[in-house]
Amino acid sequence: MSTINITARRWQHGWELFAGDEILTQSTTLADAAQEVRDYLATERGGEPEDYDVTVRADLDGVEDEVARTAARIHEVQEESADLAVRWRVLAAVLRTDCGLSVRDTAAVMDVSPGRVSQLVDAGRREKVLVTEVGPAPRSDDGVVVDLLDALQRSVDRAKASRGEREEKRPGLGKGGPLLDLKSDVKSPAKTSRAR
């Protein structure tokens, strides 16, 4: 069943409802417009109102287009915010468990309170964050796709190598890898246990 596109134009008693250039019916409110059209079509063409798929677009001299663009942008920002929130929790866990930072040092790096660090790590531990679901990979300046967690792991490995520590392979941090294990004990290593 094809969708019937209706344009609603205001008049003194509500809305006139057009299919192309043909006015079909009227509605007192825009909220009731689609049902008014379905009722009209069922009466004129037969069948039940539910048989007709109707979409209504208000004609407001272009304001409706700006509303649609803004709504779409809000949706994009909300999705991006959710992605960034996941990445923020993953970063907190990486700083604590992989970089071996204390809670206070992690707080300094992330510019948040120590209490917030604990909340981030606890949330990540409960969620069992999938690395493959943390969102689209960023790109470097030359257009090469960069996996955030791969880059983080390389940075951690370089830091450990500079301290003379053996590099560890953590499959959970690789691109497309399994679950990032946030269930591990998040206490700092012994040499950093004093800084809380």
C-alpha atoms as a PDB file:
ATOM      1  CA  MET A   1       0.000   0.000   0.000  1.00  0.00           C
ATOM      2  CA  SER A   2       1.464   3.326  -1.074  1.00  0.00           C
ATOM      3  CA  THR A   3       1.691   6.262   1.284  1.00  0.00           C
ATOM      4  CA  ILE A   4      -0.635   9.182   0.661  1.00  0.00           C
ATOM      5  CA  ASN A   5       1.223  12.427   1.260  1.00  0.00           C
ATOM      6  CA  ILE A   6      -0.920  15.252   2.564  1.00  0.00           C
ATOM      7  CA  THR A   7      -0.032  18.922   2.821  1.00  0.00           C
ATOM      8  CA  ALA A   8      -1.803  20.820   5.603  1.00  0.00           C
ATOM      9  CA  ARG A   9      -2.339  24.542   5.119  1.00  0.00           C
ATOM     10  CA  ARG A  10      -3.774  26.784   7.790  1.00  0.00           C
ATOM     11  CA  TRP A  11      -7.019  28.613   7.418  1.00  0.00           C
ATOM     12  CA  GLN A  12      -9.257  30.477   9.861  1.00  0.00           C
ATOM     13  CA  HIS A  13     -10.964  27.354  11.207  1.00  0.00           C
ATOM     14  CA  GLY A  14      -7.981  25.045  11.359  1.00  0.00           C
ATOM     15  CA  TRP A  15      -6.257  23.182   8.547  1.00  0.00           C
ATOM     16  CA  GLU A  16      -7.139  22.412   4.931  1.00  0.00           C
ATOM     17  CA  LEU A  17      -5.717  19.081   3.841  1.00  0.00           C
ATOM     18  CA  PHE A  18      -4.421  18.738   0.272  1.00  0.00           C
ATOM     19  CA  ALA A  19      -3.313  15.788  -1.820  1.00  0.00           C
ATOM     20  CA  GLY A  20      -1.301  17.615  -4.459  1.00  0.00           C
ATOM     21  CA  ASP A  21      -3.475  20.524  -5.556  1.00  0.00           C
ATOM     22  CA  GLU A  22      -6.724  18.815  -4.560  1.00  0.00           C
ATOM     23  CA  ILE A  23      -8.269  19.640  -1.212  1.00  0.00           C
ATOM     24  CA  LEU A  24      -9.616  16.480   0.389  1.00  0.00           C
ATOM     25  CA  THR A  25     -10.984  17.565   3.717  1.00  0.00           C
ATOM     26  CA  GLN A  26     -10.363  19.779   6.728  1.00  0.00           C
ATOM     27  CA  SER A  27      -9.260  19.338  10.315  1.00  0.00           C
ATOM     28  CA  THR A  28      -9.566  21.560  13.355  1.00  0.00           C
ATOM     29  CA  THR A  29      -6.136  20.512  14.645  1.00  0.00           C
ATOM     30  CA  LEU A  30      -3.006  19.279  12.924  1.00  0.00           C
ATOM     31  CA  ALA A  31      -2.805  16.402  15.382  1.00  0.00           C
ATOM     32  CA  ASP A  32      -6.090  14.993  14.032  1.00  0.00           C
ATOM     33  CA  ALA A  33      -5.324  15.641  10.375  1.00  0.00           C
ATOM     34  CA  ALA A  34      -4.109  12.167   9.417  1.00  0.00           C
ATOM     35  CA  GLN A  35      -7.164  10.482  10.927  1.00  0.00           C
ATOM     36  CA  GLU A  36      -9.476  12.966   9.202  1.00  0.00           C
ATOM     37  CA  VAL A  37      -7.897  12.054   5.870  1.00  0.00           C
ATOM     38  CA  ARG A  38      -8.171   8.315   6.561  1.00  0.00           C
ATOM     39  CA  ASP A  39     -11.833   8.705   7.464  1.00  0.00           C
ATOM     40  CA  TYR A  40     -12.445  10.722   4.312  1.00  0.00           C
ATOM     41  CA  LEU A  41     -10.701   8.193   2.068  1.00  0.00           C
ATOM     42  CA  ALA A  42     -12.564   5.281   3.626  1.00  0.00           C
ATOM     43  CA  THR A  43     -15.853   7.055   2.951  1.00  0.00           C
ATOM     44  CA  GLU A  44     -15.016   8.095  -0.623  1.00  0.00           C
ATOM     45  CA  ARG A  45     -13.009   5.083  -1.798  1.00  0.00           C
ATOM     46  CA  GLY A  46     -14.220   2.308   0.460  1.00  0.00           C
ATOM     47  CA  GLY A  47     -12.518   0.093   2.991  1.00  0.00           C
ATOM     48  CA  GLU A  48     -11.532   0.930   6.521  1.00  0.00           C
ATOM     49  CA  PRO A  49      -9.651   4.024   7.690  1.00  0.00           C
ATOM     50  CA  GLU A  50      -6.809   1.785   8.859  1.00  0.00           C
ATOM     51  CA  ASP A  51      -6.352   0.615   5.259  1.00  0.00           C
ATOM     52  CA  TYR A  52      -4.816   3.974   4.304  1.00  0.00           C
ATOM     53  CA  ASP A  53      -1.254   5.002   5.083  1.00  0.00           C
ATOM     54  CA  VAL A  54      -1.249   8.777   5.453  1.00  0.00           C
ATOM     55  CA  THR A  55       1.526  11.218   6.247  1.00  0.00           C
ATOM     56  CA  VAL A  56       0.805  14.888   6.902  1.00  0.00           C
ATOM     57  CA  ARG A  57       3.254  17.732   6.349  1.00  0.00           C
ATOM     58  CA  ALA A  58       2.400  21.228   7.510  1.00  0.00           C
ATOM     59  CA  ASP A  59       3.080  24.049   5.071  1.00  0.00           C
ATOM     60  CA  LEU A  60       4.464  26.888   7.205  1.00  0.00           C
ATOM     61  CA  ASP A  61       6.369  28.894   4.596  1.00  0.00           C
ATOM     62  CA  GLY A  62       9.605  26.968   5.118  1.00  0.00           C
ATOM     63  CA  VAL A  63       9.651  26.980   8.902  1.00  0.00           C
ATOM     64  CA  GLU A  64       8.665  23.305   8.860  1.00  0.00           C
ATOM     65  CA  ASP A  65      11.837  22.496   6.875  1.00  0.00           C
ATOM     66  CA  GLU A  66      14.008  24.172   9.495  1.00  0.00           C
ATOM     67  CA  VAL A  67      12.180  22.214  12.198  1.00  0.00           C
ATOM     68  CA  ALA A  68      12.898  18.959  10.355  1.00  0.00           C
ATOM     69  CA  ARG A  69      16.578  19.824   9.861  1.00  0.00           C
ATOM     70  CA  THR A  70      16.989  20.794  13.502  1.00  0.00           C
ATOM     71  CA  ALA A  71      15.221  17.643  14.709  1.00  0.00           C
ATOM     72  CA  ALA A  72      17.508  15.508  12.542  1.00  0.00           C
ATOM     73  CA  ARG A  73      20.567  17.305  13.905  1.00  0.00           C
ATOM     74  CA  ILE A  74      19.382  16.847  17.486  1.00  0.00           C
ATOM     75  CA  HIS A  75      19.038  13.123  16.815  1.00  0.00           C
ATOM     76  CA  GLU A  76      22.577  12.997  15.403  1.00  0.00           C
ATOM     77  CA  VAL A  77      23.990  14.869  18.393  1.00  0.00           C
ATOM     78  CA  GLN A  78      22.166  12.561  20.813  1.00  0.00           C
ATOM     79  CA  GLU A  79      23.632   9.510  19.089  1.00  0.00           C
ATOM     80  CA  GLU A  80      27.090  11.082  19.086  1.00  0.00           C
ATOM     81  CA  SER A  81      26.743  11.954  22.767  1.00  0.00           C
ATOM     82  CA  ALA A  82      25.837   8.360  23.588  1.00  0.00           C
ATOM     83  CA  ASP A  83      28.870   7.160  21.633  1.00  0.00           C
ATOM     84  CA  LEU A  84      31.158   9.612  23.400  1.00  0.00           C
ATOM     85  CA  ALA A  85      29.768   8.586  26.798  1.00  0.00           C
ATOM     86  CA  VAL A  86      30.703   4.958  26.063  1.00  0.00           C
ATOM     87  CA  ARG A  87      34.165   5.982  24.903  1.00  0.00           C
ATOM     88  CA  TRP A  88      34.633   8.096  28.048  1.00  0.00           C
ATOM     89  CA  ARG A  89      33.852   5.090  30.251  1.00  0.00           C
ATOM     90  CA  VAL A  90      36.224   2.902  28.222  1.00  0.00           C
ATOM     91  CA  LEU A  91      38.969   5.507  28.565  1.00  0.00           C
ATOM     92  CA  ALA A  92      38.493   5.618  32.324  1.00  0.00           C
ATOM     93  CA  ALA A  93      38.912   1.842  32.475  1.00  0.00           C
ATOM     94  CA  VAL A  94      41.972   1.915  30.196  1.00  0.00           C
ATOM     95  CA  LEU A  95      43.644   4.570  32.312  1.00  0.00           C
ATOM     96  CA  ARG A  96      42.996   2.621  35.512  1.00  0.00           C
ATOM     97  CA  THR A  97      43.650  -0.954  34.394  1.00  0.00           C
ATOM     98  CA  ASP A  98      46.064  -0.664  31.456  1.00  0.00           C
ATOM     99  CA  CYS A  99      48.007   2.476  32.243  1.00  0.00           C
ATOM    100  CA  GLY A 100      48.031   1.573  35.931  1.00  0.00           C
ATOM    101  CA  LEU A 101      47.022   5.030  37.111  1.00  0.00           C
ATOM    102  CA  SER A 102      45.572   5.641  40.520  1.00  0.00           C
ATOM    103  CA  VAL A 103      42.090   7.075  40.879  1.00  0.00           C
ATOM    104  CA  ARG A 104      43.496  10.521  41.635  1.00  0.00           C
ATOM    105  CA  ASP A 105      45.896  10.462  38.685  1.00  0.00           C
ATOM    106  CA  THR A 106      43.133   9.269  36.376  1.00  0.00           C
ATOM    107  CA  ALA A 107      40.974  12.120  37.643  1.00  0.00           C
ATOM    108  CA  ALA A 108      43.772  14.572  36.833  1.00  0.00           C
ATOM    109  CA  VAL A 109      44.167  13.234  33.286  1.00  0.00           C
ATOM    110  CA  MET A 110      40.424  13.303  32.610  1.00  0.00           C
ATOM    111  CA  ASP A 111      39.872  16.588  34.480  1.00  0.00           C
ATOM    112  CA  VAL A 112      37.102  15.106  36.610  1.00  0.00           C
ATOM    113  CA  SER A 113      36.719  14.356  40.300  1.00  0.00           C
ATOM    114  CA  PRO A 114      38.037  11.084  41.785  1.00  0.00           C
ATOM    115  CA  GLY A 115      34.451  10.160  42.619  1.00  0.00           C
ATOM    116  CA  ARG A 116      33.506  10.575  38.961  1.00  0.00           C
ATOM    117  CA  VAL A 117      36.343   8.262  37.925  1.00  0.00           C
ATOM    118  CA  SER A 118      34.934   5.543  40.186  1.00  0.00           C
ATOM    119  CA  GLN A 119      31.475   6.058  38.685  1.00  0.00           C
ATOM    120  CA  LEU A 120      32.812   5.799  35.138  1.00  0.00           C
ATOM    121  CA  VAL A 121      34.754   2.611  35.818  1.00  0.00           C
ATOM    122  CA  ASP A 122      31.868   1.043  37.740  1.00  0.00           C
ATOM    123  CA  ALA A 123      29.457   1.853  34.899  1.00  0.00           C
ATOM    124  CA  GLY A 124      31.788   0.362  32.338  1.00  0.00           C
ATOM    125  CA  ARG A 125      32.210  -2.784  34.430  1.00  0.00           C
ATOM    126  CA  ARG A 126      28.436  -3.247  34.602  1.00  0.00           C
ATOM    127  CA  GLU A 127      27.944  -2.676  30.896  1.00  0.00           C
ATOM    128  CA  LYS A 128      30.659  -5.059  29.641  1.00  0.00           C
ATOM    129  CA  VAL A 129      31.357  -2.620  26.818  1.00  0.00           C
ATOM    130  CA  LEU A 130      31.836  -4.219  23.402  1.00  0.00           C
ATOM    131  CA  VAL A 131      34.750  -2.633  21.626  1.00  0.00           C
ATOM    132  CA  THR A 132      33.011  -3.220  18.309  1.00  0.00           C
ATOM    133  CA  GLU A 133      30.075  -1.132  19.513  1.00  0.00           C
ATOM    134  CA  VAL A 134      31.869   1.968  20.747  1.00  0.00           C
ATOM    135  CA  GLY A 135      31.076   3.777  17.539  1.00  0.00           C
ATOM    136  CA  PRO A 136      32.603   4.696  14.199  1.00  0.00           C
ATOM    137  CA  ALA A 137      36.365   4.859  14.059  1.00  0.00           C
ATOM    138  CA  PRO A 138      37.870   8.345  13.792  1.00  0.00           C
ATOM    139  CA  ARG A 139      40.125   9.304  10.896  1.00  0.00           C
ATOM    140  CA  SER A 140      43.574  10.823  10.953  1.00  0.00           C
ATOM    141  CA  ASP A 141      44.432  14.003   9.062  1.00  0.00           C
ATOM    142  CA  ASP A 142      45.454  11.990   5.995  1.00  0.00           C
ATOM    143  CA  GLY A 143      42.107  10.185   5.929  1.00  0.00           C
ATOM    144  CA  VAL A 144      43.353   6.873   7.360  1.00  0.00           C
ATOM    145  CA  VAL A 145      40.888   5.194   9.684  1.00  0.00           C
ATOM    146  CA  VAL A 146      42.191   5.146  13.238  1.00  0.00           C
ATOM    147  CA  ASP A 147      40.750   2.762  15.792  1.00  0.00           C
ATOM    148  CA  LEU A 148      40.576   4.633  19.095  1.00  0.00           C
ATOM    149  CA  LEU A 149      41.304   1.635  21.282  1.00  0.00           C
ATOM    150  CA  ASP A 150      44.090   0.361  19.026  1.00  0.00           C
ATOM    151  CA  ALA A 151      45.699   3.775  19.329  1.00  0.00           C
ATOM    152  CA  LEU A 152      45.203   3.697  23.087  1.00  0.00           C
ATOM    153  CA  GLN A 153      46.804   0.260  23.327  1.00  0.00           C
ATOM    154  CA  ARG A 154      49.818   1.358  21.290  1.00  0.00           C
ATOM    155  CA  SER A 155      50.223   4.361  23.559  1.00  0.00           C
ATOM    156  CA  VAL A 156      50.025   2.138  26.646  1.00  0.00           C
ATOM    157  CA  ASP A 157      52.568  -0.296  25.185  1.00  0.00           C
ATOM    158  CA  ARG A 158      54.998   2.524  24.421  1.00  0.00           C
ATOM    159  CA  ALA A 159      54.643   3.830  27.965  1.00  0.00           C
ATOM    160  CA  LYS A 160      55.305   0.385  29.414  1.00  0.00           C
ATOM    161  CA  ALA A 161      58.296  -0.120  27.131  1.00  0.00           C
ATOM    162  CA  SER A 162      59.775   3.179  28.263  1.00  0.00           C
ATOM    163  CA  ARG A 163      59.513   1.909  31.854  1.00  0.00           C
ATOM    164  CA  GLY A 164      61.140  -1.381  30.940  1.00  0.00           C
ATOM    165  CA  GLU A 165      57.932  -3.374  31.370  1.00  0.00           C
ATOM    166  CA  ARG A 166      57.005  -6.235  29.066  1.00  0.00           C
ATOM    167  CA  GLU A 167      54.349  -5.443  26.487  1.00  0.00           C
ATOM    168  CA  GLU A 168      51.085  -7.301  27.085  1.00  0.00           C
ATOM    169  CA  LYS A 169      48.723  -8.440  24.374  1.00  0.00           C
ATOM    170  CA  ARG A 170      45.139  -7.609  25.305  1.00  0.00           C
ATOM    171  CA  PRO A 171      42.779  -9.006  22.641  1.00  0.00           C
ATOM    172  CA  GLY A 172      39.886  -7.089  24.140  1.00  0.00           C
ATOM    173  CA  LEU A 173      41.488  -3.812  23.059  1.00  0.00           C
ATOM    174  CA  GLY A 174      41.983  -4.772  19.444  1.00  0.00           C
ATOM    175  CA  LYS A 175      39.746  -3.696  16.601  1.00  0.00           C
ATOM    176  CA  GLY A 176      36.741  -5.985  16.447  1.00  0.00           C
ATOM    177  CA  GLY A 177      38.007  -7.895  19.458  1.00  0.00           C
ATOM    178  CA  PRO A 178      35.981  -9.501  22.210  1.00  0.00           C
ATOM    179  CA  LEU A 179      34.630  -7.832  25.283  1.00  0.00           C
ATOM    180  CA  LEU A 180      36.809  -5.279  26.967  1.00  0.00           C
ATOM    181  CA  ASP A 181      37.204  -6.946  30.317  1.00  0.00           C
ATOM    182  CA  LEU A 182      36.128  -4.370  32.853  1.00  0.00           C
ATOM    183  CA  LYS A 183      35.441  -7.003  35.505  1.00  0.00           C
ATOM    184  CA  SER A 184      39.096  -7.185  36.478  1.00  0.00           C
ATOM    185  CA  ASP A 185      40.177  -5.705  39.767  1.00  0.00           C
ATOM    186  CA  VAL A 186      40.528  -1.964  39.201  1.00  0.00           C
ATOM    187  CA  LYS A 187      42.887  -1.459  42.133  1.00  0.00           C
ATOM    188  CA  SER A 188      46.131   0.211  41.134  1.00  0.00           C
ATOM    189  CA  PRO A 189      49.333  -1.833  40.957  1.00  0.00           C
ATOM    190  CA  ALA A 190      51.321  -1.922  44.174  1.00  0.00           C
ATOM    191  CA  LYS A 191      53.687   0.815  43.109  1.00  0.00           C
ATOM    192  CA  THR A 192      50.830   3.276  42.643  1.00  0.00           C
ATOM    193  CA  SER A 193      48.589   2.118  45.467  1.00  0.00           C
ATOM    194  CA  ARG A 194      49.518   5.051  47.703  1.00  0.00           C
ATOM    195  CA  ALA A 195      47.963   7.656  45.412  1.00  0.00           C
ATOM    196  CA  ARG A 196      44.239   7.527  46.012  1.00  0.00           C
END
